[in-house]
Amino acid sequence: MLNLAIMAVQTKQDKLNLNNNEVQIVRSENGLKIYHNQKEVMKVVKKIP
């Protein structure tokens, strides 16, 4: 799942499906959230100086 999320981020896609696994990337000004099968699995937040 993590490799699929990395591929989605690198190719600037919002959704990516592979072998019945769906990863959705939700970007915002503060960072991004990664969802796997509609459940949040990771959040990346930009550090504010």
PDB file of N, CA and C in Angstrom:
ATOM      1  N   MET A   1       0.831  -1.180   0.000  1.00  0.00           N
ATOM      2  CA  MET A   1       0.000   0.000   0.000  1.00  0.00           C
ATOM      3  C   MET A   1       0.880   1.249   0.000  1.00  0.00           C
ATOM      4  N   LEU A   2       1.959   1.242   0.769  1.00  0.00           N
ATOM      5  CA  LEU A   2       2.823   2.421   0.816  1.00  0.00           C
ATOM      6  C   LEU A   2       3.466   2.683  -0.546  1.00  0.00           C
ATOM      7  N   ASN A   3       3.893   1.634  -1.231  1.00  0.00           N
ATOM      8  CA  ASN A   3       4.475   1.817  -2.562  1.00  0.00           C
ATOM      9  C   ASN A   3       3.453   2.399  -3.530  1.00  0.00           C
ATOM     10  N   LEU A   4       2.222   1.972  -3.417  1.00  0.00           N
ATOM     11  CA  LEU A   4       1.155   2.496  -4.268  1.00  0.00           C
ATOM     12  C   LEU A   4       0.927   3.979  -3.974  1.00  0.00           C
ATOM     13  N   ALA A   5       0.962   4.352  -2.705  1.00  0.00           N
ATOM     14  CA  ALA A   5       0.803   5.759  -2.322  1.00  0.00           C
ATOM     15  C   ALA A   5       1.965   6.605  -2.853  1.00  0.00           C
ATOM     16  N   ILE A   6       3.166   6.076  -2.782  1.00  0.00           N
ATOM     17  CA  ILE A   6       4.331   6.796  -3.303  1.00  0.00           C
ATOM     18  C   ILE A   6       4.193   7.014  -4.799  1.00  0.00           C
ATOM     19  N   MET A   7       3.751   5.982  -5.519  1.00  0.00           N
ATOM     20  CA  MET A   7       3.554   6.123  -6.969  1.00  0.00           C
ATOM     21  C   MET A   7       2.510   7.187  -7.272  1.00  0.00           C
ATOM     22  N   ALA A   8       1.429   7.224  -6.490  1.00  0.00           N
ATOM     23  CA  ALA A   8       0.377   8.219  -6.715  1.00  0.00           C
ATOM     24  C   ALA A   8       0.908   9.631  -6.489  1.00  0.00           C
ATOM     25  N   VAL A   9       1.679   9.822  -5.443  1.00  0.00           N
ATOM     26  CA  VAL A   9       2.230  11.155  -5.142  1.00  0.00           C
ATOM     27  C   VAL A   9       3.222  11.568  -6.225  1.00  0.00           C
ATOM     28  N   GLN A  10       4.106  10.658  -6.611  1.00  0.00           N
ATOM     29  CA  GLN A  10       5.128  10.987  -7.606  1.00  0.00           C
ATOM     30  C   GLN A  10       4.524  11.305  -8.969  1.00  0.00           C
ATOM     31  N   THR A  11       3.413  10.680  -9.312  1.00  0.00           N
ATOM     32  CA  THR A  11       2.787  10.919 -10.614  1.00  0.00           C
ATOM     33  C   THR A  11       1.670  11.958 -10.533  1.00  0.00           C
ATOM     34  N   LYS A  12       1.524  12.569  -9.352  1.00  0.00           N
ATOM     35  CA  LYS A  12       0.559  13.647  -9.116  1.00  0.00           C
ATOM     36  C   LYS A  12      -0.883  13.215  -9.396  1.00  0.00           C
ATOM     37  N   GLN A  13      -1.201  11.984  -9.018  1.00  0.00           N
ATOM     38  CA  GLN A  13      -2.556  11.477  -9.165  1.00  0.00           C
ATOM     39  C   GLN A  13      -3.282  11.573  -7.828  1.00  0.00           C
ATOM     40  N   ASP A  14      -4.596  11.760  -7.895  1.00  0.00           N
ATOM     41  CA  ASP A  14      -5.403  11.801  -6.673  1.00  0.00           C
ATOM     42  C   ASP A  14      -5.874  10.418  -6.254  1.00  0.00           C
ATOM     43  N   LYS A  15      -6.034   9.519  -7.227  1.00  0.00           N
ATOM     44  CA  LYS A  15      -6.459   8.147  -6.947  1.00  0.00           C
ATOM     45  C   LYS A  15      -5.633   7.200  -7.790  1.00  0.00           C
ATOM     46  N   LEU A  16      -5.319   6.046  -7.205  1.00  0.00           N
ATOM     47  CA  LEU A  16      -4.583   5.035  -7.940  1.00  0.00           C
ATOM     48  C   LEU A  16      -5.076   3.670  -7.491  1.00  0.00           C
ATOM     49  N   ASN A  17      -5.398   2.814  -8.457  1.00  0.00           N
ATOM     50  CA  ASN A  17      -5.869   1.458  -8.189  1.00  0.00           C
ATOM     51  C   ASN A  17      -4.878   0.464  -8.770  1.00  0.00           C
ATOM     52  N   LEU A  18      -4.593  -0.589  -7.995  1.00  0.00           N
ATOM     53  CA  LEU A  18      -3.736  -1.663  -8.467  1.00  0.00           C
ATOM     54  C   LEU A  18      -4.095  -2.929  -7.704  1.00  0.00           C
ATOM     55  N   ASN A  19      -4.448  -3.969  -8.424  1.00  0.00           N
ATOM     56  CA  ASN A  19      -4.789  -5.261  -7.809  1.00  0.00           C
ATOM     57  C   ASN A  19      -5.849  -5.126  -6.716  1.00  0.00           C
ATOM     58  N   ASN A  20      -6.921  -4.421  -7.024  1.00  0.00           N
ATOM     59  CA  ASN A  20      -8.046  -4.214  -6.094  1.00  0.00           C
ATOM     60  C   ASN A  20      -7.673  -3.429  -4.843  1.00  0.00           C
ATOM     61  N   ASN A  21      -6.557  -2.720  -4.861  1.00  0.00           N
ATOM     62  CA  ASN A  21      -6.190  -1.810  -3.780  1.00  0.00           C
ATOM     63  C   ASN A  21      -6.315  -0.393  -4.307  1.00  0.00           C
ATOM     64  N   GLU A  22      -7.041   0.431  -3.574  1.00  0.00           N
ATOM     65  CA  GLU A  22      -7.223   1.816  -3.988  1.00  0.00           C
ATOM     66  C   GLU A  22      -6.567   2.731  -2.975  1.00  0.00           C
ATOM     67  N   VAL A  23      -5.775   3.655  -3.480  1.00  0.00           N
ATOM     68  CA  VAL A  23      -5.149   4.675  -2.647  1.00  0.00           C
ATOM     69  C   VAL A  23      -5.644   6.021  -3.133  1.00  0.00           C
ATOM     70  N   GLN A  24      -6.051   6.862  -2.195  1.00  0.00           N
ATOM     71  CA  GLN A  24      -6.501   8.206  -2.530  1.00  0.00           C
ATOM     72  C   GLN A  24      -5.606   9.200  -1.795  1.00  0.00           C
ATOM     73  N   ILE A  25      -5.174  10.221  -2.508  1.00  0.00           N
ATOM     74  CA  ILE A  25      -4.321  11.268  -1.948  1.00  0.00           C
ATOM     75  C   ILE A  25      -5.135  12.552  -1.887  1.00  0.00           C
ATOM     76  N   VAL A  26      -5.226  13.136  -0.697  1.00  0.00           N
ATOM     77  CA  VAL A  26      -5.934  14.403  -0.517  1.00  0.00           C
ATOM     78  C   VAL A  26      -4.890  15.442  -0.115  1.00  0.00           C
ATOM     79  N   ARG A  27      -4.658  16.391  -1.025  1.00  0.00           N
ATOM     80  CA  ARG A  27      -3.651  17.428  -0.773  1.00  0.00           C
ATOM     81  C   ARG A  27      -4.307  18.699  -0.230  1.00  0.00           C
ATOM     82  N   SER A  28      -3.560  19.402   0.632  1.00  0.00           N
ATOM     83  CA  SER A  28      -4.005  20.699   1.135  1.00  0.00           C
ATOM     84  C   SER A  28      -2.770  21.580   1.299  1.00  0.00           C
ATOM     85  N   GLU A  29      -2.980  22.811   1.726  1.00  0.00           N
ATOM     86  CA  GLU A  29      -1.857  23.718   1.955  1.00  0.00           C
ATOM     87  C   GLU A  29      -0.964  23.228   3.087  1.00  0.00           C
ATOM     88  N   ASN A  30      -1.546  22.495   4.029  1.00  0.00           N
ATOM     89  CA  ASN A  30      -0.806  22.042   5.209  1.00  0.00           C
ATOM     90  C   ASN A  30      -0.098  20.717   5.016  1.00  0.00           C
ATOM     91  N   GLY A  31      -0.343  20.005   3.910  1.00  0.00           N
ATOM     92  CA  GLY A  31       0.290  18.714   3.684  1.00  0.00           C
ATOM     93  C   GLY A  31      -0.609  17.815   2.868  1.00  0.00           C
ATOM     94  N   LEU A  32      -0.611  16.513   3.189  1.00  0.00           N
ATOM     95  CA  LEU A  32      -1.471  15.591   2.477  1.00  0.00           C
ATOM     96  C   LEU A  32      -1.896  14.445   3.378  1.00  0.00           C
ATOM     97  N   LYS A  33      -3.001  13.812   2.991  1.00  0.00           N
ATOM     98  CA  LYS A  33      -3.525  12.651   3.693  1.00  0.00           C
ATOM     99  C   LYS A  33      -3.616  11.508   2.704  1.00  0.00           C
ATOM    100  N   ILE A  34      -3.297  10.312   3.175  1.00  0.00           N
ATOM    101  CA  ILE A  34      -3.339   9.120   2.338  1.00  0.00           C
ATOM    102  C   ILE A  34      -4.407   8.187   2.885  1.00  0.00           C
ATOM    103  N   TYR A  35      -5.314   7.792   1.987  1.00  0.00           N
ATOM    104  CA  TYR A  35      -6.404   6.889   2.345  1.00  0.00           C
ATOM    105  C   TYR A  35      -6.230   5.577   1.595  1.00  0.00           C
ATOM    106  N   HIS A  36      -6.466   4.477   2.274  1.00  0.00           N
ATOM    107  CA  HIS A  36      -6.451   3.142   1.657  1.00  0.00           C
ATOM    108  C   HIS A  36      -7.813   2.529   1.880  1.00  0.00           C
ATOM    109  N   ASN A  37      -8.511   2.221   0.789  1.00  0.00           N
ATOM    110  CA  ASN A  37      -9.876   1.690   0.862  1.00  0.00           C
ATOM    111  C   ASN A  37     -10.765   2.555   1.762  1.00  0.00           C
ATOM    112  N   GLN A  38     -10.676   3.855   1.565  1.00  0.00           N
ATOM    113  CA  GLN A  38     -11.497   4.880   2.224  1.00  0.00           C
ATOM    114  C   GLN A  38     -11.216   5.066   3.712  1.00  0.00           C
ATOM    115  N   LYS A  39     -10.081   4.563   4.212  1.00  0.00           N
ATOM    116  CA  LYS A  39      -9.685   4.779   5.610  1.00  0.00           C
ATOM    117  C   LYS A  39      -8.354   5.521   5.622  1.00  0.00           C
ATOM    118  N   GLU A  40      -8.268   6.575   6.441  1.00  0.00           N
ATOM    119  CA  GLU A  40      -7.029   7.340   6.523  1.00  0.00           C
ATOM    120  C   GLU A  40      -5.948   6.480   7.173  1.00  0.00           C
ATOM    121  N   VAL A  41      -4.815   6.356   6.487  1.00  0.00           N
ATOM    122  CA  VAL A  41      -3.732   5.539   7.014  1.00  0.00           C
ATOM    123  C   VAL A  41      -2.473   6.352   7.306  1.00  0.00           C
ATOM    124  N   MET A  42      -2.375   7.546   6.706  1.00  0.00           N
ATOM    125  CA  MET A  42      -1.186   8.351   6.938  1.00  0.00           C
ATOM    126  C   MET A  42      -1.501   9.816   6.682  1.00  0.00           C
ATOM    127  N   LYS A  43      -0.854  10.678   7.451  1.00  0.00           N
ATOM    128  CA  LYS A  43      -0.996  12.119   7.272  1.00  0.00           C
ATOM    129  C   LYS A  43       0.412  12.713   7.284  1.00  0.00           C
ATOM    130  N   VAL A  44       0.698  13.555   6.306  1.00  0.00           N
ATOM    131  CA  VAL A  44       1.974  14.249   6.229  1.00  0.00           C
ATOM    132  C   VAL A  44       1.690  15.735   6.363  1.00  0.00           C
ATOM    133  N   VAL A  45       2.271  16.366   7.371  1.00  0.00           N
ATOM    134  CA  VAL A  45       2.009  17.773   7.674  1.00  0.00           C
ATOM    135  C   VAL A  45       3.293  18.573   7.464  1.00  0.00           C
ATOM    136  N   LYS A  46       3.154  19.711   6.774  1.00  0.00           N
ATOM    137  CA  LYS A  46       4.295  20.597   6.582  1.00  0.00           C
ATOM    138  C   LYS A  46       4.684  21.231   7.906  1.00  0.00           C
ATOM    139  N   LYS A  47       5.963  21.310   8.144  1.00  0.00           N
ATOM    140  CA  LYS A  47       6.466  21.949   9.358  1.00  0.00           C
ATOM    141  C   LYS A  47       6.470  23.463   9.151  1.00  0.00           C
ATOM    142  N   ILE A  48       5.882  24.171  10.096  1.00  0.00           N
ATOM    143  CA  ILE A  48       5.818  25.634  10.035  1.00  0.00           C
ATOM    144  C   ILE A  48       6.948  26.188  10.894  1.00  0.00           C
ATOM    145  N   PRO A  49       7.806  27.021  10.290  1.00  0.00           N
ATOM    146  CA  PRO A  49       8.973  27.549  11.058  1.00  0.00           C
ATOM    147  C   PRO A  49       8.572  28.499  12.160  1.00  0.00           C
TER     148      PRO A  49
END
